[in-house]
Protein backbone atom coordinates (compact mmCIF):
# COMPACT_ATOMS: atom_id res chain seq x y z
CA MET A 1 90.27 7.28 -51.11
CA THR A 2 88.52 5.08 -53.45
CA ALA A 3 92.23 3.73 -54.68
CA PHE A 4 92.90 3.08 -51.10
CA ASN A 5 89.83 1.68 -50.16
CA GLY A 6 89.94 -1.53 -48.02
CA TYR A 7 93.59 -1.28 -47.63
CA PRO A 8 94.21 1.48 -45.29
CA ILE A 9 97.05 0.28 -43.20
CA SER A 10 99.46 -0.97 -46.12
CA VAL A 11 98.70 2.34 -47.99
CA PHE A 12 99.61 4.67 -44.77
CA LEU A 13 102.70 2.56 -44.03
CA ALA A 14 103.74 2.84 -47.76
CA VAL A 15 103.31 6.71 -47.68
CA LEU A 16 105.20 6.68 -44.70
CA LEU A 17 108.11 4.89 -45.70
CA HIS A 18 108.39 6.86 -49.06
CA GLY A 19 107.90 9.99 -46.81
CA ALA A 20 111.13 9.29 -44.29
CA VAL A 21 113.03 8.34 -47.53
CA LEU A 22 112.16 11.43 -49.26
CA GLY A 23 112.76 13.36 -45.68
CA ALA A 24 116.19 11.85 -45.31
CA LEU A 25 117.46 12.37 -48.84
CA LEU A 26 116.44 16.20 -48.46
CA LEU A 27 117.93 16.31 -44.86
CA PHE A 28 121.52 14.77 -46.77
CA GLN A 29 121.17 17.43 -49.58
CA GLN A 30 121.43 20.11 -47.52
CA ALA A 31 124.18 18.94 -45.50
CA GLU A 32 126.24 18.61 -48.72
CA SER A 33 124.99 21.74 -50.32
CA GLU A 34 126.39 23.88 -47.15
CA VAL A 35 130.14 21.87 -47.55
CA LEU A 36 130.17 21.51 -51.19
CA ASP A 37 127.92 24.21 -53.28
CA VAL A 38 129.43 22.61 -56.53
CA VAL A 39 127.79 19.19 -55.96
CA ARG A 40 123.99 18.97 -56.54
CA PRO A 41 122.35 15.91 -55.30
CA PRO A 42 120.49 13.92 -57.53
CA ALA A 43 116.84 14.56 -57.87
CA VAL A 44 114.86 11.58 -56.37
CA LYS A 45 111.30 11.37 -57.53
CA ALA A 46 108.97 9.29 -55.83
CA LEU A 47 105.84 7.61 -57.97
CA LEU A 48 103.15 6.52 -56.02
CA VAL A 49 101.54 3.26 -57.54
CA ALA A 50 98.33 1.73 -56.84
CA GLU A 51 99.47 -1.06 -54.76
CA ASN A 52 102.95 -2.36 -54.04
CA PRO A 53 104.18 -5.70 -53.95
CA GLN A 54 104.91 -5.92 -50.09
CA ALA A 55 101.48 -4.37 -49.41
CA ARG A 56 99.94 -6.85 -51.90
CA ASN A 57 101.73 -9.83 -50.29
CA GLU A 58 100.47 -8.31 -46.74
CA ARG A 59 97.24 -8.29 -47.78
CA VAL A 60 97.64 -12.01 -49.44
CA GLN A 61 98.83 -13.14 -46.25
CA GLN A 62 96.21 -10.93 -44.15
CA GLN A 63 93.69 -12.57 -46.59
CA ASN A 64 95.30 -16.31 -45.85
CA LEU A 65 95.47 -15.40 -42.45
CA GLN A 66 91.49 -14.62 -42.55
CA GLN A 67 90.77 -17.48 -44.47
CA GLN A 68 93.02 -20.15 -41.95
CA ARG A 69 91.37 -18.09 -38.85
CA GLU A 70 87.72 -18.48 -40.75
CA ARG A 71 88.52 -22.33 -41.94
CA ALA A 72 89.92 -22.39 -37.98
CA GLN A 73 86.67 -21.14 -36.71
CA GLN A 74 84.52 -23.27 -39.34
CA GLU A 75 86.49 -26.38 -38.33
CA GLN A 76 86.42 -25.62 -34.74
CA ALA A 77 82.48 -24.72 -35.08
CA ARG A 78 82.38 -28.08 -36.86
CA GLN A 79 84.33 -29.74 -34.25
CA GLN A 80 82.14 -28.65 -31.51
CA ARG A 81 79.10 -29.42 -33.50
CA GLU A 82 80.56 -32.98 -33.58
CA GLN A 83 81.39 -33.19 -30.25
CA GLN A 84 77.95 -32.04 -29.58
CA GLN A 85 76.63 -34.57 -31.71
CA ARG A 86 79.02 -36.89 -29.94
CA GLU A 87 77.88 -35.78 -26.90
CA GLN A 88 74.30 -35.62 -27.40
CA GLN A 89 74.91 -39.46 -28.90
CA GLU A 90 76.48 -40.42 -25.55
CA ARG A 91 73.74 -38.46 -23.51
CA ASP A 92 70.90 -40.50 -25.76
CA ARG A 93 73.26 -44.05 -25.41
CA GLN A 94 73.65 -43.39 -21.34
CA GLU A 95 69.98 -42.76 -21.84
CA GLN A 96 69.05 -45.59 -23.70
CA LEU A 97 71.19 -47.67 -21.60
CA ARG A 98 69.72 -46.17 -18.19
CA GLN A 99 66.21 -47.03 -19.63
CA GLU A 100 67.52 -50.86 -20.68
CA GLN A 101 68.84 -51.10 -17.39
CA GLN A 102 65.86 -49.92 -15.41
CA GLN A 103 63.83 -52.35 -17.48
CA GLN A 104 66.14 -55.04 -16.70
CA GLU A 105 66.10 -53.96 -13.29
CA GLN A 106 62.20 -54.13 -13.33
CA ALA A 107 62.28 -57.37 -14.74
CA ARG A 108 64.58 -58.53 -12.66
CA GLN A 109 62.50 -57.24 -9.84
CA ALA A 110 59.19 -58.88 -10.92
CA GLN A 111 61.25 -62.15 -11.29
CA LEU A 112 62.75 -61.80 -7.67
CA ARG A 113 59.24 -61.04 -6.98
CA GLN A 114 57.57 -64.09 -8.93
CA GLU A 115 60.29 -66.28 -7.43
CA ARG A 116 59.57 -65.25 -3.58
CA GLU A 117 55.98 -65.75 -4.17
CA ARG A 118 56.64 -68.92 -5.75
CA GLN A 119 58.93 -69.80 -2.83
CA GLU A 120 55.82 -68.62 -0.43
CA ARG A 121 53.59 -70.75 -2.26
CA GLU A 122 55.77 -73.87 -2.09
CA GLU A 123 56.89 -73.05 2.08
CA GLN A 124 53.24 -72.67 2.74
CA ALA A 125 52.83 -76.09 0.96
CA ARG A 126 55.19 -77.58 2.87
CA THR A 127 54.21 -76.06 6.49
CA GLU A 128 50.76 -77.37 5.38
CA GLN A 129 51.72 -80.66 4.45
CA LEU A 130 54.02 -80.88 7.45
CA ARG A 131 51.42 -79.90 9.87
CA GLU A 132 48.96 -82.65 8.26
CA GLU A 133 51.98 -85.02 8.63
CA GLN A 134 52.08 -83.92 12.14
CA ARG A 135 48.52 -84.32 12.67
CA ARG A 136 48.49 -87.70 10.99
CA GLN A 137 51.25 -89.01 13.21
CA GLU A 138 49.67 -87.44 16.03
CA GLU A 139 46.46 -88.78 15.66
CA ALA A 140 48.35 -92.11 14.79
CA ARG A 141 49.87 -92.16 18.20
CA ARG A 142 46.79 -91.53 19.90
CA GLN A 143 45.00 -94.36 18.27
CA GLN A 144 48.50 -96.58 18.86
CA GLN A 145 47.91 -95.15 22.80
CA LEU A 146 44.13 -95.97 22.40
CA GLU A 147 44.97 -99.26 20.96
CA GLN A 148 48.02 -99.64 23.94
CA GLN A 149 45.59 -98.67 26.72
CA ARG A 150 42.94 -101.26 25.35
CA GLN A 151 45.35 -104.25 25.23
CA GLN A 152 46.49 -103.20 28.56
CA GLU A 153 42.87 -102.99 30.19
CA ALA A 154 42.00 -106.27 27.83
CA GLU A 155 45.32 -107.82 29.31
CA ARG A 156 44.79 -106.66 32.89
CA GLN A 157 41.18 -108.43 32.52
CA ARG A 158 42.85 -111.65 30.98
CA GLN A 159 45.25 -111.66 33.94
CA ALA A 160 42.52 -110.77 36.40
CA ALA A 161 40.53 -113.37 34.94
CA GLN A 162 43.05 -115.82 34.72
CA ALA A 163 44.12 -114.95 38.16
CA GLN A 164 40.74 -115.70 38.98
CA ALA A 165 40.78 -119.11 37.01
CA ASP A 166 44.01 -119.96 38.36
CA ALA A 167 42.44 -119.13 41.93
CA ALA A 168 39.61 -121.29 41.35
CA ALA A 169 41.62 -124.00 39.64
CA ALA A 170 44.08 -123.90 42.43
CA GLU A 171 40.83 -123.95 44.75
CA LEU A 172 39.32 -126.78 42.59
CA ALA A 173 42.51 -128.85 42.41
CA GLU A 174 42.82 -128.73 46.06
CA THR A 175 39.69 -129.61 46.28
CA ASP A 176 40.07 -132.57 43.95
CA ALA A 177 43.21 -133.70 45.57
CA GLU A 178 41.41 -133.94 49.27
CA ILE A 179 39.11 -135.79 47.08
CA THR A 180 41.18 -138.00 45.43
CA MET A 181 43.23 -138.49 48.30
CA ALA A 182 40.06 -139.55 50.44
CA TYR A 183 38.99 -142.20 47.45
CA THR A 184 42.33 -143.49 47.47
CA ALA A 185 42.45 -143.98 51.12
CA VAL A 186 38.93 -145.75 51.10
CA ILE A 187 40.80 -148.11 48.02
CA HIS A 188 43.66 -148.75 50.30
CA ASP A 189 41.64 -150.02 53.00
CA LEU A 190 39.48 -151.94 51.17
CA VAL A 191 42.27 -153.73 49.11
CA GLN A 192 44.15 -153.82 52.71
CA ARG A 193 41.77 -155.22 54.12
CA ASN A 194 41.48 -158.27 51.61
CA TRP A 195 45.30 -158.92 51.48
CA SER A 196 47.03 -161.51 53.16
CA ARG A 197 50.93 -161.59 53.44
CA PRO A 198 52.46 -164.57 52.07
CA PRO A 199 55.04 -166.27 54.22
CA SER A 200 57.49 -165.67 51.70
CA ALA A 201 57.05 -162.38 51.51
CA ARG A 202 60.19 -160.10 52.50
CA ASN A 203 61.29 -156.45 53.17
CA ASP A 204 62.61 -155.70 49.80
CA MET A 205 59.75 -156.69 47.78
CA THR A 206 57.66 -154.69 45.97
CA ALA A 207 54.79 -155.16 43.46
CA VAL A 208 53.16 -152.93 41.29
CA LEU A 209 49.61 -153.36 40.14
CA ARG A 210 47.72 -151.49 37.51
CA ILE A 211 43.63 -151.59 38.36
CA ARG A 212 41.16 -150.96 35.97
CA LEU A 213 37.72 -149.79 37.17
CA VAL A 214 34.49 -148.57 35.76
CA PRO A 215 32.36 -145.25 36.69
CA THR A 216 30.08 -148.07 39.16
CA GLY A 217 33.36 -148.80 40.91
CA ASP A 218 33.75 -152.33 39.31
CA VAL A 219 37.34 -153.97 39.05
CA VAL A 220 37.33 -154.64 35.25
CA ASP A 221 41.20 -155.87 34.99
CA VAL A 222 44.17 -156.18 37.40
CA GLU A 223 47.64 -156.28 35.79
CA ILE A 224 51.05 -156.89 37.37
CA VAL A 225 53.12 -154.06 35.88
CA ARG A 226 55.91 -154.68 38.12
CA SER A 227 56.65 -157.76 39.88
CA SER A 228 58.15 -158.48 43.14
CA GLY A 229 60.20 -162.02 41.82
CA ASP A 230 58.18 -163.67 44.31
CA ALA A 231 54.91 -165.38 42.29
CA ALA A 232 53.10 -165.83 45.85
CA PHE A 233 53.64 -162.37 46.95
CA ASP A 234 52.50 -161.14 43.27
CA ARG A 235 49.75 -163.62 43.10
CA ALA A 236 48.25 -162.53 47.07
CA ALA A 237 48.55 -158.69 46.07
CA GLU A 238 46.38 -159.69 42.91
CA ASN A 239 44.02 -161.91 44.96
CA ALA A 240 43.44 -158.94 47.60
CA VAL A 241 42.23 -156.61 44.37
CA ARG A 242 40.06 -159.00 43.13
CA ALA A 243 38.86 -159.82 46.49
CA VAL A 244 37.61 -156.37 46.58
CA GLY A 245 35.53 -156.70 43.43
CA ARG A 246 33.55 -153.33 43.69
CA PHE A 247 34.20 -150.13 45.01
CA THR A 248 30.75 -148.90 45.47
CA GLU A 249 32.26 -145.61 47.34
CA LEU A 250 33.16 -144.25 43.96
CA GLN A 251 29.78 -144.09 42.36
CA GLY A 252 29.40 -140.73 43.35
CA MET A 253 32.80 -139.55 42.29
CA PRO A 254 32.43 -136.67 39.62
CA PRO A 255 32.77 -138.35 35.89
CA ARG A 256 35.89 -135.50 35.28
CA MET A 257 37.97 -136.67 38.34
CA PHE A 258 36.98 -140.28 37.89
CA GLU A 259 38.42 -140.17 34.26
CA ARG A 260 41.39 -138.40 35.31
CA SER A 261 42.55 -140.29 38.56
CA PHE A 262 40.55 -143.82 38.62
CA ARG A 263 39.95 -144.94 35.19
CA SER A 264 43.15 -146.55 35.82
CA LEU A 265 44.94 -146.29 39.31
CA LEU A 266 48.27 -147.78 39.84
CA LEU A 267 48.87 -150.24 43.50
CA THR A 268 52.00 -150.56 45.02
CA PHE A 269 52.31 -153.55 47.59
CA ARG A 270 55.15 -153.93 50.14
CA PRO A 271 55.46 -156.32 52.87
CA GLU A 272 55.28 -153.85 55.58
CA ASP A 273 52.62 -151.79 54.08
CA LEU A 274 50.29 -150.93 51.25
CA LEU A 275 51.64 -148.06 49.40
CA ASN A 276 49.89 -145.87 46.50
C-alpha cells in the first residue's frame, strides 16, 4: 500500500488493465486447447512495476492541471484583489470627488450667498438713495410751489396795488384833465377878450403861438411857431397874449400840473375862433 500511496486511481486502472489482458489470454488459451490439444499457448507473465509511464504521464498531467488550476485560482484571486483594490480606489476617488464637489458646492453657495447679500445691500443703498432723491425732489417741488404761491401772491398784491394806483392815477388824471381844461378855458377867455381881429383876417388863416409862463402866471415869452402868412394877423394874436400880461388864476395851480401843462402852452388862433 505504501508503493501506491498517492496514486490510487492510476494503480487501480493499471492493475485492472493487466488483469483484463490476462483474463482474455486465459480464455483464448482454453478455447484453443479444446480444439487442438497439441498447441500450447505461450505463457504470458505480468510484471508489476512500481509506476508505468502512462500513469506517470497522467500523474504529471494531473499535477500540471492542478498547478494550472492553482495558478488560475491564484491569478483569479490576484485579479479579484486587484479588482477590489481598483474598486476601492474608485470608491475612494468617487468619495474624494464627492467631497470636492461638496466643498465646491458649499463654496459656490457661500459665494452666491455673499453675492446676494452684496446685491441686497446695493439694492437697499439704491433704494435709500432713491428715497432720499425723491424726498429732495418733493422738498424742491414743495419749495417751488411755495415760491410760486408767494410770487402769485406778490403778483396779485402788485396787480391789486397797480390797479389801485391806476384807478387813483386815472381818477387823478381825470381830475387833472378837468382842472387843466378849466385853467385852459380861463386863459383862452382872457386872451380872446384882448384879441382884435385885423381886417385882413381870412377864414383859412391859422397862427400857432407858444406862451411861456412862470408859476405866478406872468407871461415871460411869446413865440410864433406857425405863421398864418399874414403879418397883421400874427401880430394881433401876439398882442392879445401880451395884453393879458399875467394870468393870476394860475397862481393856485399845483406845481406838478403847472410844470406838465402850463410852463409852455400852445395857443391856436383862427379868424373865426380861438382854439387850443
